[in-house]
Amino acid sequence: MTFSEELDDADFEIIASALSTAGTPAADALIVAGITSKATTGFTLNCHTAPGSGNSVTFAWALRRAV
């Protein structure tokens, strides 16, 4: 995910969950395995497994600033 505006720092948490699917993705594709590559410009959301060819999963996410 690339932010539309750069943040001041990368001191944040991401909360994410599967919102919708297209096709018939693997069930584990709806599970967030982790958030990596956090930076002031964005982050990477990793699924437990790929959804499979021709399938997709859309995730809703929220950024929470660390306290």
PDB file of N, CA and C in Angstrom:
ATOM      1  N   MET A   1       0.841  -1.147   0.000  1.00  0.00           N
ATOM      2  CA  MET A   1       0.000   0.000   0.000  1.00  0.00           C
ATOM      3  C   MET A   1       0.898   1.224   0.000  1.00  0.00           C
ATOM      4  N   THR A   2       0.638   2.152  -0.858  1.00  0.00           N
ATOM      5  CA  THR A   2       1.389   3.405  -0.903  1.00  0.00           C
ATOM      6  C   THR A   2       0.472   4.531  -0.432  1.00  0.00           C
ATOM      7  N   PHE A   3       0.937   5.295   0.548  1.00  0.00           N
ATOM      8  CA  PHE A   3       0.152   6.409   1.064  1.00  0.00           C
ATOM      9  C   PHE A   3       0.101   7.544   0.045  1.00  0.00           C
ATOM     10  N   SER A   4      -1.002   8.277   0.033  1.00  0.00           N
ATOM     11  CA  SER A   4      -1.119   9.413  -0.874  1.00  0.00           C
ATOM     12  C   SER A   4      -0.240  10.581  -0.423  1.00  0.00           C
ATOM     13  N   GLU A   5       0.019  10.638   0.887  1.00  0.00           N
ATOM     14  CA  GLU A   5       0.930  11.656   1.435  1.00  0.00           C
ATOM     15  C   GLU A   5       1.898  10.971   2.392  1.00  0.00           C
ATOM     16  N   GLU A   6       3.144  11.362   2.337  1.00  0.00           N
ATOM     17  CA  GLU A   6       4.159  10.775   3.204  1.00  0.00           C
ATOM     18  C   GLU A   6       3.897  11.151   4.655  1.00  0.00           C
ATOM     19  N   LEU A   7       4.087  10.181   5.567  1.00  0.00           N
ATOM     20  CA  LEU A   7       3.920  10.417   6.997  1.00  0.00           C
ATOM     21  C   LEU A   7       5.201  10.987   7.594  1.00  0.00           C
ATOM     22  N   ASP A   8       5.091  11.552   8.800  1.00  0.00           N
ATOM     23  CA  ASP A   8       6.267  12.085   9.488  1.00  0.00           C
ATOM     24  C   ASP A   8       7.229  10.986   9.934  1.00  0.00           C
ATOM     25  N   ASP A   9       6.666   9.817  10.298  1.00  0.00           N
ATOM     26  CA  ASP A   9       7.494   8.694  10.754  1.00  0.00           C
ATOM     27  C   ASP A   9       6.742   7.394  10.499  1.00  0.00           C
ATOM     28  N   ALA A  10       7.399   6.270  10.763  1.00  0.00           N
ATOM     29  CA  ALA A  10       6.794   4.954  10.550  1.00  0.00           C
ATOM     30  C   ALA A  10       6.384   4.315  11.868  1.00  0.00           C
ATOM     31  N   ASP A  11       6.078   5.123  12.854  1.00  0.00           N
ATOM     32  CA  ASP A  11       5.678   4.642  14.176  1.00  0.00           C
ATOM     33  C   ASP A  11       4.158   4.490  14.202  1.00  0.00           C
ATOM     34  N   PHE A  12       3.669   3.417  13.549  1.00  0.00           N
ATOM     35  CA  PHE A  12       2.231   3.178  13.460  1.00  0.00           C
ATOM     36  C   PHE A  12       1.956   1.683  13.394  1.00  0.00           C
ATOM     37  N   GLU A  13       0.702   1.326  13.621  1.00  0.00           N
ATOM     38  CA  GLU A  13       0.238  -0.046  13.479  1.00  0.00           C
ATOM     39  C   GLU A  13      -0.838  -0.063  12.403  1.00  0.00           C
ATOM     40  N   ILE A  14      -0.973  -1.191  11.735  1.00  0.00           N
ATOM     41  CA  ILE A  14      -2.023  -1.370  10.739  1.00  0.00           C
ATOM     42  C   ILE A  14      -2.952  -2.470  11.239  1.00  0.00           C
ATOM     43  N   ILE A  15      -4.247  -2.180  11.231  1.00  0.00           N
ATOM     44  CA  ILE A  15      -5.271  -3.169  11.535  1.00  0.00           C
ATOM     45  C   ILE A  15      -5.964  -3.457  10.216  1.00  0.00           C
ATOM     46  N   ALA A  16      -6.050  -4.734   9.831  1.00  0.00           N
ATOM     47  CA  ALA A  16      -6.621  -5.071   8.526  1.00  0.00           C
ATOM     48  C   ALA A  16      -7.472  -6.331   8.618  1.00  0.00           C
ATOM     49  N   SER A  17      -8.487  -6.394   7.765  1.00  0.00           N
ATOM     50  CA  SER A  17      -9.307  -7.595   7.651  1.00  0.00           C
ATOM     51  C   SER A  17      -9.847  -7.684   6.229  1.00  0.00           C
ATOM     52  N   ALA A  18     -10.139  -8.903   5.809  1.00  0.00           N
ATOM     53  CA  ALA A  18     -10.677  -9.119   4.464  1.00  0.00           C
ATOM     54  C   ALA A  18     -12.053  -8.474   4.363  1.00  0.00           C
ATOM     55  N   LEU A  19     -12.276  -7.767   3.275  1.00  0.00           N
ATOM     56  CA  LEU A  19     -13.535  -7.051   3.059  1.00  0.00           C
ATOM     57  C   LEU A  19     -14.402  -7.738   2.010  1.00  0.00           C
ATOM     58  N   SER A  20     -13.782  -8.152   0.906  1.00  0.00           N
ATOM     59  CA  SER A  20     -14.541  -8.805  -0.163  1.00  0.00           C
ATOM     60  C   SER A  20     -13.613  -9.679  -0.989  1.00  0.00           C
ATOM     61  N   THR A  21     -14.212 -10.542  -1.789  1.00  0.00           N
ATOM     62  CA  THR A  21     -13.439 -11.424  -2.660  1.00  0.00           C
ATOM     63  C   THR A  21     -14.022 -11.400  -4.071  1.00  0.00           C
ATOM     64  N   ALA A  22     -13.198 -11.806  -5.016  1.00  0.00           N
ATOM     65  CA  ALA A  22     -13.630 -12.010  -6.394  1.00  0.00           C
ATOM     66  C   ALA A  22     -13.169 -13.400  -6.800  1.00  0.00           C
ATOM     67  N   GLY A  23     -14.048 -14.148  -7.442  1.00  0.00           N
ATOM     68  CA  GLY A  23     -13.717 -15.521  -7.774  1.00  0.00           C
ATOM     69  C   GLY A  23     -13.859 -16.398  -6.542  1.00  0.00           C
ATOM     70  N   THR A  24     -13.023 -17.415  -6.477  1.00  0.00           N
ATOM     71  CA  THR A  24     -13.041 -18.324  -5.326  1.00  0.00           C
ATOM     72  C   THR A  24     -11.625 -18.451  -4.768  1.00  0.00           C
ATOM     73  N   PRO A  25     -11.168 -17.427  -4.065  1.00  0.00           N
ATOM     74  CA  PRO A  25      -9.810 -17.486  -3.511  1.00  0.00           C
ATOM     75  C   PRO A  25      -9.687 -18.556  -2.433  1.00  0.00           C
ATOM     76  N   ALA A  26      -8.468 -19.018  -2.246  1.00  0.00           N
ATOM     77  CA  ALA A  26      -8.185 -19.965  -1.172  1.00  0.00           C
ATOM     78  C   ALA A  26      -8.601 -19.341   0.158  1.00  0.00           C
ATOM     79  N   ALA A  27      -9.154 -20.156   1.067  1.00  0.00           N
ATOM     80  CA  ALA A  27      -9.643 -19.646   2.355  1.00  0.00           C
ATOM     81  C   ALA A  27      -8.548 -18.931   3.133  1.00  0.00           C
ATOM     82  N   ASP A  28      -7.323 -19.454   3.088  1.00  0.00           N
ATOM     83  CA  ASP A  28      -6.216 -18.835   3.824  1.00  0.00           C
ATOM     84  C   ASP A  28      -5.789 -17.492   3.237  1.00  0.00           C
ATOM     85  N   ALA A  29      -6.264 -17.167   2.036  1.00  0.00           N
ATOM     86  CA  ALA A  29      -5.933 -15.879   1.419  1.00  0.00           C
ATOM     87  C   ALA A  29      -6.635 -14.728   2.137  1.00  0.00           C
ATOM     88  N   LEU A  30      -7.650 -15.047   2.941  1.00  0.00           N
ATOM     89  CA  LEU A  30      -8.385 -14.030   3.688  1.00  0.00           C
ATOM     90  C   LEU A  30      -7.732 -13.734   5.039  1.00  0.00           C
ATOM     91  N   ILE A  31      -6.667 -14.451   5.361  1.00  0.00           N
ATOM     92  CA  ILE A  31      -5.981 -14.301   6.647  1.00  0.00           C
ATOM     93  C   ILE A  31      -4.741 -13.431   6.469  1.00  0.00           C
ATOM     94  N   VAL A  32      -4.643 -12.373   7.264  1.00  0.00           N
ATOM     95  CA  VAL A  32      -3.464 -11.511   7.236  1.00  0.00           C
ATOM     96  C   VAL A  32      -2.335 -12.222   7.974  1.00  0.00           C
ATOM     97  N   ALA A  33      -1.249 -12.494   7.272  1.00  0.00           N
ATOM     98  CA  ALA A  33      -0.099 -13.151   7.882  1.00  0.00           C
ATOM     99  C   ALA A  33       0.815 -12.149   8.577  1.00  0.00           C
ATOM    100  N   GLY A  34       0.775 -10.897   8.129  1.00  0.00           N
ATOM    101  CA  GLY A  34       1.606  -9.877   8.760  1.00  0.00           C
ATOM    102  C   GLY A  34       1.678  -8.617   7.921  1.00  0.00           C
ATOM    103  N   ILE A  35       2.170  -7.574   8.557  1.00  0.00           N
ATOM    104  CA  ILE A  35       2.406  -6.295   7.908  1.00  0.00           C
ATOM    105  C   ILE A  35       3.915  -6.079   7.914  1.00  0.00           C
ATOM    106  N   THR A  36       4.495  -5.874   6.748  1.00  0.00           N
ATOM    107  CA  THR A  36       5.942  -5.702   6.650  1.00  0.00           C
ATOM    108  C   THR A  36       6.266  -4.427   5.881  1.00  0.00           C
ATOM    109  N   SER A  37       7.518  -4.123   5.835  1.00  0.00           N
ATOM    110  CA  SER A  37       8.026  -2.975   5.072  1.00  0.00           C
ATOM    111  C   SER A  37       7.341  -1.664   5.452  1.00  0.00           C
ATOM    112  N   LYS A  38       7.056  -1.493   6.752  1.00  0.00           N
ATOM    113  CA  LYS A  38       6.455  -0.231   7.185  1.00  0.00           C
ATOM    114  C   LYS A  38       7.432   0.920   6.948  1.00  0.00           C
ATOM    115  N   ALA A  39       6.927   1.972   6.338  1.00  0.00           N
ATOM    116  CA  ALA A  39       7.747   3.146   6.035  1.00  0.00           C
ATOM    117  C   ALA A  39       6.853   4.371   6.048  1.00  0.00           C
ATOM    118  N   THR A  40       7.454   5.515   5.932  1.00  0.00           N
ATOM    119  CA  THR A  40       6.676   6.755   5.900  1.00  0.00           C
ATOM    120  C   THR A  40       5.857   6.854   4.608  1.00  0.00           C
ATOM    121  N   THR A  41       6.179   6.022   3.639  1.00  0.00           N
ATOM    122  CA  THR A  41       5.494   6.062   2.341  1.00  0.00           C
ATOM    123  C   THR A  41       4.468   4.948   2.151  1.00  0.00           C
ATOM    124  N   GLY A  42       4.417   3.969   3.075  1.00  0.00           N
ATOM    125  CA  GLY A  42       3.447   2.895   2.946  1.00  0.00           C
ATOM    126  C   GLY A  42       3.851   1.639   3.688  1.00  0.00           C
ATOM    127  N   PHE A  43       3.227   0.527   3.337  1.00  0.00           N
ATOM    128  CA  PHE A  43       3.488  -0.758   3.988  1.00  0.00           C
ATOM    129  C   PHE A  43       3.092  -1.879   3.040  1.00  0.00           C
ATOM    130  N   THR A  44       3.454  -3.115   3.407  1.00  0.00           N
ATOM    131  CA  THR A  44       3.057  -4.298   2.646  1.00  0.00           C
ATOM    132  C   THR A  44       2.211  -5.184   3.530  1.00  0.00           C
ATOM    133  N   LEU A  45       1.044  -5.582   3.040  1.00  0.00           N
ATOM    134  CA  LEU A  45       0.168  -6.518   3.733  1.00  0.00           C
ATOM    135  C   LEU A  45       0.405  -7.893   3.126  1.00  0.00           C
ATOM    136  N   ASN A  46       0.760  -8.864   3.952  1.00  0.00           N
ATOM    137  CA  ASN A  46       1.032 -10.223   3.482  1.00  0.00           C
ATOM    138  C   ASN A  46      -0.108 -11.146   3.882  1.00  0.00           C
ATOM    139  N   CYS A  47      -0.646 -11.882   2.896  1.00  0.00           N
ATOM    140  CA  CYS A  47      -1.692 -12.876   3.152  1.00  0.00           C
ATOM    141  C   CYS A  47      -1.039 -14.195   3.535  1.00  0.00           C
ATOM    142  N   HIS A  48      -1.803 -15.042   4.205  1.00  0.00           N
ATOM    143  CA  HIS A  48      -1.292 -16.350   4.595  1.00  0.00           C
ATOM    144  C   HIS A  48      -0.943 -17.181   3.364  1.00  0.00           C
ATOM    145  N   THR A  49      -1.752 -17.054   2.316  1.00  0.00           N
ATOM    146  CA  THR A  49      -1.486 -17.738   1.055  1.00  0.00           C
ATOM    147  C   THR A  49      -2.041 -16.895  -0.092  1.00  0.00           C
ATOM    148  N   ALA A  50      -1.539 -17.091  -1.273  1.00  0.00           N
ATOM    149  CA  ALA A  50      -2.025 -16.347  -2.445  1.00  0.00           C
ATOM    150  C   ALA A  50      -3.461 -16.775  -2.762  1.00  0.00           C
ATOM    151  N   PRO A  51      -4.278 -15.863  -3.285  1.00  0.00           N
ATOM    152  CA  PRO A  51      -5.675 -16.206  -3.577  1.00  0.00           C
ATOM    153  C   PRO A  51      -5.844 -17.165  -4.756  1.00  0.00           C
ATOM    154  N   GLY A  52      -4.838 -17.290  -5.583  1.00  0.00           N
ATOM    155  CA  GLY A  52      -4.925 -18.189  -6.730  1.00  0.00           C
ATOM    156  C   GLY A  52      -5.208 -17.426  -8.008  1.00  0.00           C
ATOM    157  N   SER A  53      -4.883 -18.018  -9.108  1.00  0.00           N
ATOM    158  CA  SER A  53      -5.016 -17.385 -10.417  1.00  0.00           C
ATOM    159  C   SER A  53      -6.465 -16.978 -10.698  1.00  0.00           C
ATOM    160  N   GLY A  54      -6.644 -15.708 -11.094  1.00  0.00           N
ATOM    161  CA  GLY A  54      -7.969 -15.200 -11.426  1.00  0.00           C
ATOM    162  C   GLY A  54      -8.827 -14.825 -10.237  1.00  0.00           C
ATOM    163  N   ASN A  55      -8.296 -14.937  -9.035  1.00  0.00           N
ATOM    164  CA  ASN A  55      -9.028 -14.618  -7.813  1.00  0.00           C
ATOM    165  C   ASN A  55      -8.377 -13.443  -7.116  1.00  0.00           C
ATOM    166  N   SER A  56      -9.134 -12.757  -6.271  1.00  0.00           N
ATOM    167  CA  SER A  56      -8.542 -11.655  -5.505  1.00  0.00           C
ATOM    168  C   SER A  56      -9.277 -11.466  -4.185  1.00  0.00           C
ATOM    169  N   VAL A  57      -8.588 -10.811  -3.260  1.00  0.00           N
ATOM    170  CA  VAL A  57      -9.159 -10.454  -1.957  1.00  0.00           C
ATOM    171  C   VAL A  57      -8.894  -8.977  -1.747  1.00  0.00           C
ATOM    172  N   THR A  58      -9.918  -8.246  -1.354  1.00  0.00           N
ATOM    173  CA  THR A  58      -9.777  -6.831  -1.022  1.00  0.00           C
ATOM    174  C   THR A  58      -9.796  -6.710   0.489  1.00  0.00           C
ATOM    175  N   PHE A  59      -8.835  -5.954   1.025  1.00  0.00           N
ATOM    176  CA  PHE A  59      -8.739  -5.765   2.467  1.00  0.00           C
ATOM    177  C   PHE A  59      -9.098  -4.342   2.860  1.00  0.00           C
ATOM    178  N   ALA A  60      -9.787  -4.215   3.984  1.00  0.00           N
ATOM    179  CA  ALA A  60     -10.009  -2.911   4.612  1.00  0.00           C
ATOM    180  C   ALA A  60      -8.914  -2.759   5.647  1.00  0.00           C
ATOM    181  N   TRP A  61      -8.384  -1.565   5.781  1.00  0.00           N
ATOM    182  CA  TRP A  61      -7.320  -1.360   6.755  1.00  0.00           C
ATOM    183  C   TRP A  61      -7.448   0.017   7.403  1.00  0.00           C
ATOM    184  N   ALA A  62      -6.895   0.105   8.594  1.00  0.00           N
ATOM    185  CA  ALA A  62      -6.859   1.374   9.317  1.00  0.00           C
ATOM    186  C   ALA A  62      -5.474   1.539   9.910  1.00  0.00           C
ATOM    187  N   LEU A  63      -5.006   2.767   9.919  1.00  0.00           N
ATOM    188  CA  LEU A  63      -3.705   3.086  10.495  1.00  0.00           C
ATOM    189  C   LEU A  63      -3.940   3.644  11.888  1.00  0.00           C
ATOM    190  N   ARG A  64      -3.219   3.099  12.849  1.00  0.00           N
ATOM    191  CA  ARG A  64      -3.312   3.588  14.222  1.00  0.00           C
ATOM    192  C   ARG A  64      -1.928   4.049  14.642  1.00  0.00           C
ATOM    193  N   ARG A  65      -1.839   5.286  15.058  1.00  0.00           N
ATOM    194  CA  ARG A  65      -0.556   5.824  15.534  1.00  0.00           C
ATOM    195  C   ARG A  65      -0.179   5.163  16.843  1.00  0.00           C
ATOM    196  N   ALA A  66       1.072   4.795  16.978  1.00  0.00           N
ATOM    197  CA  ALA A  66       1.580   4.201  18.218  1.00  0.00           C
ATOM    198  C   ALA A  66       1.586   5.262  19.312  1.00  0.00           C
ATOM    199  N   VAL A  67       1.320   4.811  20.503  1.00  0.00           N
ATOM    200  CA  VAL A  67       1.285   5.745  21.643  1.00  0.00           C
ATOM    201  C   VAL A  67       2.609   5.750  22.345  1.00  0.00           C
TER     202      VAL A  67
END
